[in-house]
Amino acid sequence: MRLPFRLPWGAAAGEGAVAERKAVGGLALVAGEGRAQWSGRSYGTLAREGFMRNPVAHRTVRLISEAAAAVPWLLYDGESEVGEHPALTLMARPNGRTGGADFLEALYGHLLLSGNAFVEPLVIGGRAAELHLLRPDRVSVVAGRDGWPEAYEYRAGAQVRRIAAEGEGALLHLKLFHPLDDHLGFPPLAAAQVALDLHNAAARWNKALLDNSARPSGALVYQPKEGGNLAPDQYERLKRELDEGYSGPMRAGRPLLLEGGLDWKSMGLSPRDMDFVEARNGAARDVALAFGVPPMLLGIPGDNTYANYQEANRAFFRLTVLPLVNRTAKSFSGFLSGLFGEALTLAPDLDQVAGLAAERDALWARLGGADFLSDAEKRAAVGYGPGTD
């Protein structure tokens, strides 16, 4: 019995498919083996595949970093709030090229994509004049004999600078928890790497399918009535005619003309069979989950855990933005105290956070109806100092 000759066709095969053609006498077979390929976890890879190419990761990082950077700071010297101080001026304008909001937005972006953020002070005449962010992929930790960081190396092209980990001009290193690394943090996007690659691969698959006239992968089956296989020149001619006549979005819907015992057999799954839309939405929800952003805020369907947008937004600020801002404020408190030689404390001004306005209004309403509290106690309950007559 003579087996039919099969010519594979279709651009919807996943990346990483390895095709191997084997010929035995008059028999030609084509076999494919699909291998999953995952992107790396380096800062450059996560930045390119996530922030720069994936709309869900891009919007999620921007949503968190912009919301956190918009939270204003309060400065305290001991228990007293300080209205004007060089530390506040420095945070409002870290250097001549960057404003305070841009500086903090980039800092939070580094933390979310790398798990690390590095701030280098420029000290002139014993005074902190500027603050500069260093790109995380250019910084490496130099560990001492005791295992703790003793310095940091910053590489920009062929230039290498060593920056002290302690003392004047020491680097501020902010990092997220990493269970397996003593010196560097773990980026949230790395935990969603599988979901990120799945979402990107789904987009590439859909684009390739459209470029191939929205046809699924399949095979041209040659079943000659009188025996014999296609000659090599016939094989190449058939491939060339398919490329030139039936591929591309401009040729979508063109009927396939078959001759001489050729038949089309579909070999791929349809988007419906793959549950394409739900798989893509599920991957998007996993990316949002890794960052702590309610999917409702990103317009992802199918996961409306919160009753309305306002509740989701309040949960976003309480569970994601404020913990990030508070840990950053504590790190900068110690950093600025060392730079200025004073016991300074930075804290977020929660009264100015728009996402918590409903909570603030409810608190003030409860305090307004609490007749058993004095005015001083009410002011202390909302974080204000004693009033003046």
Protein backbone atom coordinates (compact mmCIF):
# COMPACT_ATOMS: atom_id res chain seq x y z
CA MET A 1 0.00 0.00 0.00
CA ARG A 2 1.36 3.41 -0.95
CA LEU A 3 1.03 6.18 1.65
CA PRO A 4 0.01 9.68 0.53
CA PHE A 5 2.54 12.49 0.24
CA ARG A 6 1.87 15.39 2.66
CA LEU A 7 3.05 18.96 2.30
CA PRO A 8 2.58 21.05 5.50
CA TRP A 9 1.23 24.57 5.17
CA GLY A 10 0.21 27.33 7.60
CA ALA A 11 1.93 30.00 9.65
CA ALA A 12 -0.03 29.38 12.83
CA ALA A 13 2.44 26.85 14.23
CA GLY A 14 3.89 28.00 17.53
CA GLU A 15 7.38 29.33 17.82
CA GLY A 16 9.90 26.67 18.61
CA ALA A 17 8.35 24.12 16.28
CA VAL A 18 11.06 21.93 14.85
CA ALA A 19 10.29 20.34 11.49
CA GLU A 20 12.13 17.34 10.20
CA ARG A 21 11.65 15.82 6.76
CA LYS A 22 12.50 12.16 6.30
CA ALA A 23 12.56 10.38 2.95
CA VAL A 24 12.53 6.60 2.58
CA GLY A 25 12.27 5.44 -1.01
CA GLY A 26 9.06 6.88 -2.42
CA LEU A 27 7.75 7.92 1.03
CA ALA A 28 8.00 11.46 2.41
CA LEU A 29 6.79 12.36 5.92
CA VAL A 30 6.82 15.62 7.88
CA ALA A 31 6.86 15.57 11.68
CA GLY A 32 6.77 18.51 14.09
CA GLU A 33 7.78 18.71 17.74
CA GLY A 34 6.61 21.72 19.76
CA ARG A 35 8.89 22.93 22.53
CA ALA A 36 7.90 25.65 24.97
CA GLN A 37 10.32 28.57 25.10
CA TRP A 38 10.44 30.92 28.08
CA SER A 39 12.01 34.34 28.25
CA GLY A 40 14.73 35.06 30.79
CA ARG A 41 14.36 36.87 34.09
CA SER A 42 16.99 39.53 33.60
CA TYR A 43 16.07 43.19 33.89
CA GLY A 44 16.57 43.73 30.15
CA THR A 45 14.39 40.77 29.17
CA LEU A 46 11.57 41.65 31.57
CA ALA A 47 11.70 45.29 30.47
CA ARG A 48 11.52 44.40 26.76
CA GLU A 49 9.05 41.50 26.88
CA GLY A 50 6.96 43.04 29.66
CA PHE A 51 6.96 46.82 29.86
CA MET A 52 7.85 47.53 26.23
CA ARG A 53 5.86 44.79 24.43
CA ASN A 54 3.03 43.69 26.68
CA PRO A 55 0.13 46.14 27.18
CA VAL A 56 -1.01 44.55 30.47
CA ALA A 57 2.44 44.67 32.08
CA HIS A 58 3.07 48.15 30.70
CA ARG A 59 -0.16 49.57 32.10
CA THR A 60 0.26 47.76 35.41
CA VAL A 61 3.76 49.11 36.02
CA ARG A 62 2.72 52.62 35.03
CA LEU A 63 -0.42 52.47 37.16
CA ILE A 64 1.53 51.56 40.29
CA SER A 65 4.53 53.82 39.70
CA GLU A 66 2.47 56.88 38.77
CA ALA A 67 0.06 56.42 41.70
CA ALA A 68 2.93 55.94 44.16
CA ALA A 69 4.92 58.88 42.77
CA ALA A 70 1.87 61.15 43.14
CA VAL A 71 1.69 60.62 46.92
CA PRO A 72 3.16 63.75 48.61
CA TRP A 73 5.68 63.54 51.44
CA LEU A 74 5.68 64.96 54.95
CA LEU A 75 8.94 65.49 56.84
CA TYR A 76 9.28 65.21 60.61
CA ASP A 77 12.17 66.17 62.84
CA GLY A 78 11.45 64.03 65.84
CA GLU A 79 7.74 64.53 66.54
CA SER A 80 7.47 67.94 64.89
CA GLU A 81 6.48 68.40 61.27
CA VAL A 82 8.96 70.44 59.24
CA GLY A 83 7.54 72.70 56.55
CA GLU A 84 10.81 73.72 54.91
CA HIS A 85 14.03 71.73 54.86
CA PRO A 86 16.86 71.01 52.39
CA ALA A 87 15.77 67.37 52.40
CA LEU A 88 12.34 68.32 51.06
CA THR A 89 13.97 70.54 48.45
CA LEU A 90 16.22 67.67 47.40
CA MET A 91 13.29 65.27 47.08
CA ALA A 92 11.29 67.84 45.10
CA ARG A 93 14.18 68.38 42.67
CA PRO A 94 16.70 65.52 42.96
CA ASN A 95 18.91 66.84 40.16
CA GLY A 96 18.96 69.40 37.39
CA ARG A 97 17.45 67.05 34.80
CA THR A 98 14.77 65.26 36.83
CA GLY A 99 11.82 66.45 38.89
CA GLY A 100 10.62 64.73 42.04
CA ALA A 101 7.63 62.96 40.44
CA ASP A 102 9.70 61.70 37.49
CA PHE A 103 12.46 60.54 39.85
CA LEU A 104 10.08 58.55 42.04
CA GLU A 105 8.18 57.12 39.07
CA ALA A 106 11.44 55.77 37.62
CA LEU A 107 12.49 54.47 41.04
CA TYR A 108 9.25 52.52 41.47
CA GLY A 109 9.55 51.26 37.89
CA HIS A 110 13.02 49.89 38.66
CA LEU A 111 11.67 48.14 41.74
CA LEU A 112 8.78 46.53 39.85
CA LEU A 113 10.83 45.37 36.85
CA SER A 114 14.07 44.51 38.61
CA GLY A 115 13.25 44.10 42.29
CA ASN A 116 16.01 46.65 42.97
CA ALA A 117 16.49 50.42 42.86
CA PHE A 118 19.78 52.24 43.37
CA VAL A 119 20.09 55.90 44.38
CA GLU A 120 23.48 57.61 44.31
CA PRO A 121 23.96 60.92 46.15
CA LEU A 122 26.23 63.64 44.83
CA VAL A 123 27.92 65.15 47.88
CA ILE A 124 29.73 68.46 47.37
CA GLY A 125 31.49 70.11 50.27
CA GLY A 126 29.87 67.76 52.76
CA ARG A 127 26.38 68.69 51.48
CA ALA A 128 24.03 66.48 49.48
CA ALA A 129 23.57 68.42 46.24
CA GLU A 130 21.85 65.89 43.97
CA LEU A 131 20.35 62.39 43.81
CA HIS A 132 20.72 60.13 40.77
CA LEU A 133 19.08 56.82 39.86
CA LEU A 134 21.32 54.05 38.53
CA ARG A 135 19.93 51.51 36.10
CA PRO A 136 19.70 48.18 37.94
CA ASP A 137 21.23 46.05 35.18
CA ARG A 138 24.40 48.15 35.34
CA VAL A 139 24.95 47.69 39.07
CA SER A 140 26.56 44.65 40.68
CA VAL A 141 27.15 43.93 44.36
CA VAL A 142 30.69 43.49 45.67
CA ALA A 143 30.49 41.26 48.74
CA GLY A 144 33.09 41.39 51.49
CA ARG A 145 34.63 38.48 53.36
CA ASP A 146 31.72 38.41 55.77
CA GLY A 147 29.24 38.08 52.90
CA TRP A 148 27.73 41.55 53.31
CA PRO A 149 27.99 44.18 50.55
CA GLU A 150 31.05 46.36 50.94
CA ALA A 151 30.68 48.24 47.63
CA TYR A 152 28.77 48.43 44.37
CA GLU A 153 30.18 48.49 40.85
CA TYR A 154 28.44 50.57 38.21
CA ARG A 155 29.24 49.73 34.58
CA ALA A 156 28.32 52.05 31.71
CA GLY A 157 29.98 50.86 28.53
CA ALA A 158 33.67 50.42 29.20
CA GLN A 159 33.60 52.65 32.29
CA VAL A 160 33.45 51.02 35.73
CA ARG A 161 32.97 52.95 38.97
CA ARG A 162 33.05 51.57 42.50
CA ILE A 163 30.63 53.17 44.97
CA ALA A 164 30.86 52.61 48.70
CA ALA A 165 28.08 50.77 50.51
CA GLU A 166 28.61 52.78 53.71
CA GLY A 167 29.94 56.18 54.67
CA GLU A 168 29.82 59.49 52.81
CA GLY A 169 28.45 59.15 49.31
CA ALA A 170 27.17 55.63 50.03
CA LEU A 171 24.62 54.13 47.67
CA LEU A 172 21.01 53.66 48.75
CA HIS A 173 19.83 50.21 47.72
CA LEU A 174 16.10 49.51 47.85
CA LYS A 175 15.06 45.93 47.16
CA LEU A 176 12.06 43.64 47.31
CA PHE A 177 12.15 40.35 49.18
CA HIS A 178 14.04 37.54 47.46
CA PRO A 179 13.98 34.13 49.16
CA LEU A 180 17.13 32.84 47.41
CA ASP A 181 19.38 35.89 47.10
CA ASP A 182 21.10 37.67 49.99
CA HIS A 183 21.88 40.85 48.08
CA LEU A 184 19.34 41.46 45.30
CA GLY A 185 15.55 41.68 45.20
CA PHE A 186 13.04 39.62 43.25
CA PRO A 187 10.90 41.43 40.62
CA PRO A 188 7.12 40.83 40.69
CA LEU A 189 7.03 40.40 36.91
CA ALA A 190 9.37 37.41 37.15
CA ALA A 191 6.72 35.57 39.18
CA ALA A 192 4.32 36.08 36.26
CA GLN A 193 6.87 35.06 33.62
CA VAL A 194 4.82 32.09 32.36
CA ALA A 195 1.67 34.22 32.08
CA LEU A 196 3.64 37.01 30.38
CA ASP A 197 5.10 34.65 27.78
CA LEU A 198 1.69 33.05 27.21
CA HIS A 199 0.06 36.45 26.65
CA ASN A 200 2.80 37.56 24.24
CA ALA A 201 2.78 34.22 22.40
CA ALA A 202 -1.01 34.44 21.98
CA ALA A 203 -0.64 37.87 20.39
CA ARG A 204 2.11 36.65 18.05
CA TRP A 205 0.05 33.57 17.13
CA ASN A 206 -2.95 35.72 16.30
CA LYS A 207 -0.82 38.07 14.19
CA ALA A 208 0.76 35.16 12.31
CA LEU A 209 -2.67 33.66 11.70
CA LEU A 210 -3.94 36.95 10.23
CA ASP A 211 -0.83 37.29 8.07
CA ASN A 212 -1.54 33.80 6.77
CA SER A 213 -5.05 34.78 5.64
CA ALA A 214 -6.52 33.56 8.94
CA ARG A 215 -6.00 29.96 7.87
CA PRO A 216 -5.15 27.29 10.45
CA SER A 217 -2.13 25.05 10.03
CA GLY A 218 -2.79 22.19 7.69
CA ALA A 219 -1.38 19.85 5.07
CA LEU A 220 -1.81 19.37 1.37
CA VAL A 221 -2.35 15.65 0.89
CA TYR A 222 -1.25 14.15 -2.43
CA GLN A 223 -3.06 10.91 -3.28
CA PRO A 224 -2.17 9.95 -6.84
CA LYS A 225 -4.57 7.67 -8.63
CA GLU A 226 -1.88 5.86 -10.56
CA GLY A 227 0.91 5.82 -8.00
CA GLY A 228 4.08 7.86 -7.82
CA ASN A 229 5.14 10.87 -5.76
CA LEU A 230 5.69 14.51 -6.63
CA ALA A 231 8.95 15.22 -8.36
CA PRO A 232 11.31 17.67 -6.57
CA ASP A 233 10.58 20.44 -9.09
CA GLN A 234 6.81 19.88 -8.65
CA TYR A 235 7.23 20.04 -4.85
CA GLU A 236 9.12 23.35 -5.01
CA ARG A 237 6.69 24.79 -7.58
CA LEU A 238 3.72 23.97 -5.33
CA LYS A 239 5.31 25.64 -2.32
CA ARG A 240 6.16 28.72 -4.39
CA GLU A 241 2.62 29.01 -5.75
CA LEU A 242 1.16 28.77 -2.24
CA ASP A 243 3.54 31.46 -1.00
CA GLU A 244 2.84 33.81 -3.86
CA GLY A 245 -0.85 33.19 -4.37
CA TYR A 246 -2.44 32.39 -1.01
CA SER A 247 -0.41 33.96 1.81
CA GLY A 248 -0.88 37.40 3.30
CA PRO A 249 -3.85 39.47 4.46
CA MET A 250 -4.49 40.87 0.95
CA ARG A 251 -5.26 37.36 -0.30
CA ALA A 252 -7.59 36.39 2.54
CA GLY A 253 -10.57 34.34 1.40
CA ARG A 254 -9.10 33.43 -1.98
CA PRO A 255 -10.24 29.91 -2.90
CA LEU A 256 -7.54 27.26 -3.01
CA LEU A 257 -7.35 25.61 -6.44
CA LEU A 258 -6.22 21.99 -6.20
CA GLU A 259 -5.31 19.64 -8.98
CA GLY A 260 -3.94 16.20 -9.60
CA GLY A 261 -5.08 14.40 -6.47
CA LEU A 262 -4.30 17.22 -3.98
CA ASP A 263 -6.55 17.69 -0.95
CA TRP A 264 -6.40 20.08 2.05
CA LYS A 265 -6.48 18.58 5.54
CA SER A 266 -6.60 20.89 8.56
CA MET A 267 -4.02 20.01 11.24
CA GLY A 268 -4.35 22.92 13.67
CA LEU A 269 -6.84 23.79 16.39
CA SER A 270 -9.22 26.67 15.85
CA PRO A 271 -9.14 29.64 18.25
CA ARG A 272 -12.42 28.37 19.70
CA ASP A 273 -10.95 24.90 20.29
CA MET A 274 -7.98 26.46 22.05
CA ASP A 275 -10.24 28.66 24.22
CA PHE A 276 -8.03 31.42 22.87
CA VAL A 277 -9.74 34.47 24.37
CA GLU A 278 -10.08 33.03 27.88
CA ALA A 279 -6.49 31.78 27.89
CA ARG A 280 -5.30 35.28 27.00
CA ASN A 281 -7.52 36.91 29.64
CA GLY A 282 -6.35 34.38 32.22
CA ALA A 283 -2.72 35.22 31.47
CA ALA A 284 -3.52 38.93 31.79
CA ARG A 285 -5.15 38.33 35.19
CA ASP A 286 -2.07 36.46 36.39
CA VAL A 287 0.18 39.36 35.38
CA ALA A 288 -2.06 41.81 37.24
CA LEU A 289 -2.17 39.47 40.26
CA ALA A 290 1.62 39.35 40.50
CA PHE A 291 1.72 43.14 40.80
CA GLY A 292 -1.27 43.39 43.13
CA VAL A 293 -3.51 45.35 40.76
CA PRO A 294 -7.24 44.45 40.61
CA PRO A 295 -7.97 43.29 37.02
CA MET A 296 -11.05 45.54 37.01
CA LEU A 297 -8.76 48.59 36.96
CA LEU A 298 -7.07 47.27 33.81
CA GLY A 299 -10.29 46.45 31.98
CA ILE A 300 -9.68 42.68 32.09
CA PRO A 301 -13.03 40.84 31.97
CA GLY A 302 -14.06 37.85 34.03
CA ASP A 303 -12.70 38.72 37.48
CA ASN A 304 -14.91 41.38 39.03
CA THR A 305 -14.10 40.49 42.63
CA TYR A 306 -15.01 43.97 43.86
CA ALA A 307 -18.55 45.33 43.78
CA ASN A 308 -17.56 48.48 41.94
CA TYR A 309 -14.62 50.41 40.55
CA GLN A 310 -14.34 52.62 43.65
CA GLU A 311 -13.82 49.62 45.95
CA ALA A 312 -11.24 48.14 43.59
CA ASN A 313 -9.40 51.45 43.47
CA ARG A 314 -9.40 51.76 47.28
CA ALA A 315 -8.09 48.21 47.64
CA PHE A 316 -5.39 49.00 45.08
CA PHE A 317 -4.16 51.97 47.13
CA ARG A 318 -4.42 50.20 50.49
CA LEU A 319 -2.88 46.86 49.49
CA THR A 320 -0.38 47.81 46.79
CA VAL A 321 0.47 51.52 46.56
CA LEU A 322 0.73 52.47 50.24
CA PRO A 323 2.91 49.48 51.30
CA LEU A 324 5.31 50.36 48.50
CA VAL A 325 5.31 54.06 49.45
CA ASN A 326 5.76 53.33 53.18
CA ARG A 327 8.75 51.03 52.67
CA THR A 328 10.32 53.61 50.36
CA ALA A 329 9.71 56.38 52.90
CA LYS A 330 11.43 54.36 55.66
CA SER A 331 14.44 53.68 53.44
CA PHE A 332 14.75 57.34 52.51
CA SER A 333 14.32 58.41 56.14
CA GLY A 334 17.51 56.63 57.17
CA PHE A 335 19.26 57.71 53.97
CA LEU A 336 18.43 61.41 54.37
CA SER A 337 19.21 61.33 58.10
CA GLY A 338 22.73 60.19 57.24
CA LEU A 339 23.13 62.81 54.52
CA PHE A 340 21.98 65.74 56.67
CA GLY A 341 23.12 64.54 60.10
CA GLU A 342 19.65 64.85 61.61
CA ALA A 343 16.98 62.41 62.78
CA LEU A 344 14.60 62.94 59.87
CA THR A 345 11.48 60.92 59.13
CA LEU A 346 9.61 60.89 55.83
CA ALA A 347 5.97 59.83 55.76
CA PRO A 348 3.26 59.90 53.08
CA ASP A 349 0.58 62.58 53.40
CA LEU A 350 -2.49 60.35 53.32
CA ASP A 351 -4.85 63.33 53.40
CA GLN A 352 -3.70 64.21 49.89
CA VAL A 353 -4.21 60.73 48.40
CA ALA A 354 -7.21 60.94 46.07
CA GLY A 355 -7.79 57.18 46.18
CA LEU A 356 -8.45 57.32 49.93
CA ALA A 357 -10.83 60.31 49.89
CA ALA A 358 -13.86 58.16 50.73
CA GLU A 359 -12.12 56.66 53.77
CA ARG A 360 -11.02 60.10 54.94
CA ASP A 361 -14.53 61.53 54.61
CA ALA A 362 -15.97 58.60 56.58
CA LEU A 363 -13.38 59.07 59.34
CA TRP A 364 -14.07 62.78 59.68
CA ALA A 365 -17.80 62.13 59.79
CA ARG A 366 -17.36 59.62 62.63
CA LEU A 367 -15.12 62.00 64.56
CA GLY A 368 -17.53 64.86 64.02
CA GLY A 369 -20.27 62.86 65.71
CA ALA A 370 -18.06 61.70 68.60
CA ASP A 371 -19.16 64.22 71.27
CA PHE A 372 -17.23 62.35 73.97
CA LEU A 373 -13.89 63.40 72.36
CA SER A 374 -12.29 66.79 72.82
CA ASP A 375 -11.10 68.85 69.87
CA ALA A 376 -7.49 68.01 70.73
CA GLU A 377 -8.27 64.28 70.74
CA LYS A 378 -10.07 64.55 67.42
CA ARG A 379 -7.12 66.38 65.87
CA ALA A 380 -4.74 63.74 67.20
CA ALA A 381 -6.94 60.97 65.76
CA VAL A 382 -6.55 62.36 62.24
CA GLY A 383 -2.83 63.05 62.62
CA TYR A 384 -2.91 66.80 63.29
CA GLY A 385 -1.09 68.56 66.08
CA PRO A 386 -2.70 70.67 68.81
CA GLY A 387 -4.78 73.55 67.52
CA THR A 388 -4.29 77.23 68.30
CA ASP A 389 -6.94 79.43 69.87
